[in-house]
């Protein structure tokens, strides 16, 4: 199953968001630094298939959970904050509807001040879904969850990488300071691999080129996912992440290294949105 993977401690809020506080999640804090945000998200499905996980930062704070400075572990609806994750709205729907811009099947979810979210009871018959967040000062940021089981249940540990407007503009400047290209309408790609050998992006079996001619792709430097772009790189680094600005219409996206090809997925761009997808490699 190719999932684009990514808790509240007060009993009442735990029931509200369908989260539990008994499992440790390495994304929340170090082993020697327990916090109120510890705990792996868990979903409760009543009539469909729910999805839950964590909002994650990109750019300068890449890889860190998006949360308030002093989180309580409570739902944003109860803490009354409009900052950090509480400034955002999360929703989920079928991936095909998301691509088409059709809001008819959208289900709005809940976010807590630790940046954990739950979207309840999406259609259990739909294998491919999108989870998106919107808000002020961010680009619409989304993740596609592909090939999930078509039965009642839950999809857990889903991460939505939130891209601020400043980060998107910064990536453009890192590419070309004199003439920054736009990165909206692009895909953030994770190569799910344990190999240190660099992977390259491929569309319809062909290696993508460099900006500004679409489709183009670049790779993130260092160990942090979706942190700093380096136009000089020709393949993925220790963070196993990349960005691709696709052509218009549908595309077959994959990755490749010598002797290994990643899973192929059919996708299409969504205007003014950055979408995260994980390729099994």
Protein backbone atom coordinates (compact mmCIF):
# COMPACT_ATOMS: atom_id res chain seq x y z
CA UNK A 1 0.00 0.00 0.00
CA UNK A 2 1.50 3.31 -1.09
CA UNK A 3 0.43 5.75 1.56
CA UNK A 4 1.79 9.26 1.60
CA UNK A 5 2.52 8.93 5.30
CA UNK A 6 3.00 11.06 7.39
CA UNK A 7 -3.15 13.37 20.26
CA UNK A 8 -4.96 15.11 22.68
CA UNK A 9 -4.40 14.26 26.37
CA UNK A 10 -7.60 15.59 27.90
CA UNK A 11 -10.26 12.92 27.68
CA UNK A 12 -12.97 15.13 26.23
CA UNK A 13 -10.73 16.49 23.48
CA UNK A 14 -9.34 13.06 22.76
CA UNK A 15 -12.85 11.88 22.06
CA UNK A 16 -13.57 14.97 19.97
CA UNK A 17 -10.62 14.50 17.62
CA UNK A 18 -10.49 10.73 17.78
CA UNK A 19 -6.92 10.79 19.08
CA UNK A 20 -5.21 8.69 21.68
CA UNK A 21 -2.30 9.52 23.99
CA UNK A 22 -0.67 6.16 24.61
CA UNK A 23 1.68 5.84 21.66
CA UNK A 24 4.90 7.75 21.12
CA UNK A 25 5.56 9.49 17.79
CA UNK A 26 9.15 10.43 17.00
CA UNK A 27 7.91 13.46 15.08
CA UNK A 28 6.54 15.02 18.25
CA UNK A 29 9.64 15.25 20.47
CA UNK A 30 12.89 13.61 21.48
CA UNK A 31 12.94 10.59 23.77
CA UNK A 32 14.48 12.69 26.54
CA UNK A 33 12.05 15.59 26.06
CA UNK A 34 8.47 14.42 26.61
CA UNK A 35 5.79 16.95 25.88
CA UNK A 36 2.04 17.31 25.92
CA UNK A 37 2.12 16.74 22.15
CA UNK A 38 3.56 13.22 22.46
CA UNK A 39 1.38 10.49 21.05
CA UNK A 40 0.68 9.01 17.67
CA UNK A 41 -2.53 10.19 16.00
CA UNK A 42 -5.31 7.64 15.87
CA UNK A 43 -8.65 7.92 14.12
CA UNK A 44 -12.14 6.75 14.95
CA UNK A 45 -14.32 5.76 12.01
CA UNK A 46 -18.07 5.76 12.49
CA UNK A 47 -19.48 5.52 8.97
CA UNK A 48 -16.49 5.58 6.60
CA UNK A 49 -12.70 5.65 6.60
CA UNK A 50 -11.06 8.43 8.65
CA UNK A 51 -7.62 9.94 8.19
CA UNK A 52 -5.42 11.66 10.77
CA UNK A 53 -1.86 12.82 11.26
CA UNK A 54 0.42 15.80 11.73
CA UNK A 55 0.95 19.18 10.09
CA UNK A 56 4.68 19.59 9.36
CA UNK A 57 6.74 22.67 8.56
CA UNK A 58 8.87 23.23 5.47
CA UNK A 59 11.63 25.68 4.56
CA UNK A 60 13.69 27.06 7.46
CA UNK A 61 11.90 24.82 10.00
CA UNK A 62 11.66 21.81 7.71
CA UNK A 63 10.60 18.53 9.26
CA UNK A 64 9.35 19.99 12.56
CA UNK A 65 5.71 19.73 13.66
CA UNK A 66 3.68 22.90 13.14
CA UNK A 67 2.36 23.83 16.60
CA UNK A 68 1.80 26.74 18.93
CA UNK A 69 4.76 27.91 21.00
CA UNK A 70 3.10 26.65 24.18
CA UNK A 71 0.64 23.99 23.07
CA UNK A 72 -1.95 22.53 25.38
CA UNK A 73 -2.93 19.51 23.31
CA UNK A 74 -6.45 20.87 22.97
CA UNK A 75 -8.55 21.37 19.86
CA UNK A 76 -8.08 24.76 18.19
CA UNK A 77 -11.84 25.17 18.47
CA UNK A 78 -11.54 25.13 22.26
CA UNK A 79 -8.32 27.10 22.83
CA UNK A 80 -9.51 30.10 20.82
CA UNK A 81 -6.16 30.68 19.07
CA UNK A 82 -5.80 31.88 15.49
CA UNK A 83 -2.04 31.34 15.27
CA UNK A 84 0.15 28.52 13.97
CA UNK A 85 -1.88 25.42 13.15
CA UNK A 86 -4.98 27.10 14.58
CA UNK A 87 -4.90 29.60 11.71
CA UNK A 88 -5.49 26.75 9.27
CA UNK A 89 -8.42 24.69 8.04
CA UNK A 90 -8.07 21.04 7.01
CA UNK A 91 -10.33 19.04 4.75
CA UNK A 92 -10.27 15.77 2.85
CA UNK A 93 -11.98 14.38 -0.24
CA UNK A 94 -11.56 11.97 -3.13
CA UNK A 95 -8.38 12.70 -5.10
CA UNK A 96 -10.31 12.92 -8.37
CA UNK A 97 -12.64 15.54 -6.89
CA UNK A 98 -9.65 17.49 -5.55
CA UNK A 99 -8.00 17.50 -8.96
CA UNK A 100 -11.25 18.66 -10.57
CA UNK A 101 -11.81 21.43 -8.02
CA UNK A 102 -15.14 19.91 -7.06
CA UNK A 103 -16.00 20.65 -3.38
CA UNK A 104 -19.11 18.46 -3.24
CA UNK A 105 -17.52 15.61 -1.26
CA UNK A 106 -15.23 17.67 0.99
CA UNK A 107 -15.25 16.84 4.69
CA UNK A 108 -13.80 19.44 7.05
CA UNK A 109 -11.61 18.12 9.84
CA UNK A 110 -10.31 19.20 13.25
CA UNK A 111 -6.85 20.53 14.20
CA UNK A 112 -5.36 20.81 17.68
CA UNK A 113 -2.72 23.29 18.84
CA UNK A 114 -0.06 20.58 18.51
CA UNK A 115 -0.81 20.59 14.78
CA UNK A 116 -2.45 17.17 14.81
CA UNK A 117 -5.52 16.71 12.65
CA UNK A 118 -8.43 14.37 12.03
CA UNK A 119 -10.69 14.26 8.97
CA UNK A 120 -13.52 11.90 9.88
CA UNK A 121 -15.36 9.35 7.78
CA UNK A 122 -14.25 9.93 4.23
CA UNK A 123 -15.89 7.61 1.71
CA UNK A 124 -14.51 4.15 2.49
CA UNK A 125 -15.03 3.05 -1.12
CA UNK A 126 -12.50 5.63 -2.37
CA UNK A 127 -8.92 4.31 -2.57
CA UNK A 128 -7.18 7.59 -3.45
CA UNK A 129 -7.82 10.73 -1.39
CA UNK A 130 -6.36 14.19 -0.87
CA UNK A 131 -6.02 16.02 2.44
CA UNK A 132 -5.49 19.77 2.14
CA UNK A 133 -4.92 22.72 4.45
CA UNK A 134 -5.74 26.33 3.69
CA UNK A 135 -5.18 29.58 5.55
CA UNK A 136 -3.65 33.04 5.55
CA UNK A 137 0.02 33.38 4.55
CA UNK A 138 0.28 29.80 3.27
CA UNK A 139 0.00 28.21 -0.11
CA UNK A 140 -2.75 25.63 -0.23
CA UNK A 141 -0.80 22.56 0.87
CA UNK A 142 -1.97 19.00 0.37
CA UNK A 143 -1.00 15.35 0.46
CA UNK A 144 -2.37 12.53 -1.66
CA UNK A 145 -2.94 9.18 0.04
CA UNK A 146 -2.93 6.50 -2.65
CA UNK A 147 -4.19 2.90 -2.65
CA UNK A 148 -5.70 2.93 0.82
CA UNK A 149 -7.92 -0.06 1.74
CA UNK A 150 -11.48 0.34 0.49
CA UNK A 151 -13.17 -0.61 3.72
CA UNK A 152 -14.31 1.08 6.89
CA UNK A 153 -11.35 1.93 9.11
CA UNK A 154 -8.58 4.50 9.55
CA UNK A 155 -5.48 5.88 7.85
CA UNK A 156 -3.01 7.13 10.47
CA UNK A 157 0.34 8.95 10.57
CA UNK A 158 -0.44 11.00 7.48
CA UNK A 159 1.75 14.11 7.25
CA UNK A 160 0.72 17.31 5.50
CA UNK A 161 3.75 19.47 4.68
CA UNK A 162 2.60 23.08 5.07
CA UNK A 163 4.27 25.57 2.73
CA UNK A 164 4.07 29.24 3.72
CA UNK A 165 3.96 31.94 1.07
CA UNK A 166 7.39 33.09 2.26
CA UNK A 167 8.85 29.59 1.89
CA UNK A 168 7.44 29.21 -1.63
CA UNK A 169 8.93 32.56 -2.60
CA UNK A 170 12.22 31.61 -0.95
CA UNK A 171 12.45 28.42 -2.98
CA UNK A 172 12.01 30.49 -6.14
CA UNK A 173 14.85 32.77 -5.06
CA UNK A 174 17.08 29.78 -4.31
CA UNK A 175 16.49 28.61 -7.86
CA UNK A 176 17.15 31.95 -9.57
CA UNK A 177 17.55 35.10 -7.49
CA UNK A 178 17.29 37.37 -10.53
CA UNK A 179 14.19 35.73 -12.02
CA UNK A 180 12.55 33.43 -9.44
CA UNK A 181 10.20 30.88 -11.00
CA UNK A 182 6.87 30.12 -9.36
CA UNK A 183 6.62 26.80 -7.52
CA UNK A 184 2.87 26.84 -7.03
CA UNK A 185 1.02 24.09 -8.81
CA UNK A 186 3.90 21.73 -8.06
CA UNK A 187 4.50 18.40 -6.34
CA UNK A 188 6.70 17.81 -3.32
CA UNK A 189 8.09 14.32 -3.77
CA UNK A 190 9.44 11.88 -1.19
CA UNK A 191 11.41 8.88 -2.42
CA UNK A 192 10.57 6.18 0.14
CA UNK A 193 13.91 4.38 0.25
CA UNK A 194 16.71 3.41 2.59
CA UNK A 195 19.29 3.65 -0.18
CA UNK A 196 21.90 6.42 -0.21
CA UNK A 197 22.05 6.28 -4.00
CA UNK A 198 20.45 9.41 -5.52
CA UNK A 199 17.11 9.10 -7.28
CA UNK A 200 16.03 11.25 -10.21
CA UNK A 201 12.54 12.45 -11.07
CA UNK A 202 10.87 11.03 -14.16
CA UNK A 203 7.67 11.99 -15.97
CA UNK A 204 6.33 9.46 -18.49
CA UNK A 205 9.60 7.59 -18.16
CA UNK A 206 11.79 10.58 -19.06
CA UNK A 207 14.10 12.39 -16.65
CA UNK A 208 12.80 15.90 -15.96
CA UNK A 209 14.86 18.91 -16.92
CA UNK A 210 15.80 22.11 -15.12
CA UNK A 211 13.74 25.29 -14.75
CA UNK A 212 12.20 27.31 -16.22
CA UNK A 213 10.84 25.04 -18.99
CA UNK A 214 8.08 22.76 -17.69
CA UNK A 215 8.19 20.04 -16.64
CA UNK A 216 11.18 20.68 -14.42
CA UNK A 217 12.41 19.33 -11.11
CA UNK A 218 15.02 20.04 -8.44
CA UNK A 219 16.27 18.40 -5.25
CA UNK A 220 16.47 19.51 -1.64
CA UNK A 221 19.91 19.73 -0.01
CA UNK A 222 20.98 18.31 3.36
CA UNK A 223 19.09 16.00 5.67
CA UNK A 224 15.90 18.01 6.26
CA UNK A 225 12.95 17.19 3.97
CA UNK A 226 11.69 20.14 1.91
CA UNK A 227 14.19 22.59 3.39
CA UNK A 228 16.60 24.25 0.95
CA UNK A 229 16.67 23.74 -2.82
CA UNK A 230 20.04 23.40 -4.57
CA UNK A 231 19.84 23.88 -8.36
CA UNK A 232 23.25 22.24 -8.76
CA UNK A 233 22.05 18.85 -7.51
CA UNK A 234 21.30 16.16 -10.08
CA UNK A 235 19.61 13.69 -7.74
CA UNK A 236 18.08 13.23 -4.31
CA UNK A 237 20.13 13.68 -1.15
CA UNK A 238 19.93 12.30 2.41
CA UNK A 239 16.46 13.83 2.85
CA UNK A 240 15.12 11.84 -0.17
CA UNK A 241 12.97 14.79 -1.30
CA UNK A 242 12.46 16.81 -4.46
CA UNK A 243 10.09 19.23 -6.16
CA UNK A 244 8.63 18.89 -9.63
CA UNK A 245 6.65 21.46 -11.59
CA UNK A 246 4.64 19.30 -13.98
CA UNK A 247 3.15 19.97 -17.38
CA UNK A 248 -0.53 20.79 -17.67
CA UNK A 249 -2.92 17.87 -17.57
CA UNK A 250 -2.32 14.42 -16.15
CA UNK A 251 1.16 12.93 -15.83
CA UNK A 252 2.84 9.68 -14.86
CA UNK A 253 5.31 10.52 -12.09
CA UNK A 254 8.05 8.17 -10.91
CA UNK A 255 11.69 8.10 -9.81
CA UNK A 256 14.74 6.09 -10.77
CA UNK A 257 18.27 5.18 -9.77
CA UNK A 258 20.58 2.62 -11.38
CA UNK A 259 18.89 -0.75 -11.06
CA UNK A 260 15.74 0.54 -9.37
CA UNK A 261 12.54 2.29 -10.46
CA UNK A 262 10.06 3.82 -8.03
CA UNK A 263 6.32 3.28 -8.13
CA UNK A 264 4.48 5.12 -10.89
CA UNK A 265 1.49 7.30 -10.02
CA UNK A 266 -0.92 9.22 -12.24
CA UNK A 267 -1.32 12.80 -11.03
CA UNK A 268 -2.21 16.26 -12.23
CA UNK A 269 -1.38 19.74 -11.00
CA UNK A 270 -3.81 21.85 -8.98
CA UNK A 271 -3.53 25.60 -9.40
CA UNK A 272 -1.93 27.52 -6.52
CA UNK A 273 -1.35 24.30 -4.56
CA UNK A 274 1.71 22.33 -3.49
CA UNK A 275 0.94 18.63 -3.15
CA UNK A 276 3.04 16.02 -1.36
CA UNK A 277 3.28 12.51 -2.80
CA UNK A 278 5.41 9.59 -1.68
CA UNK A 279 6.89 7.22 -4.25
CA UNK A 280 7.72 3.69 -3.12
CA UNK A 281 11.31 3.03 -4.22
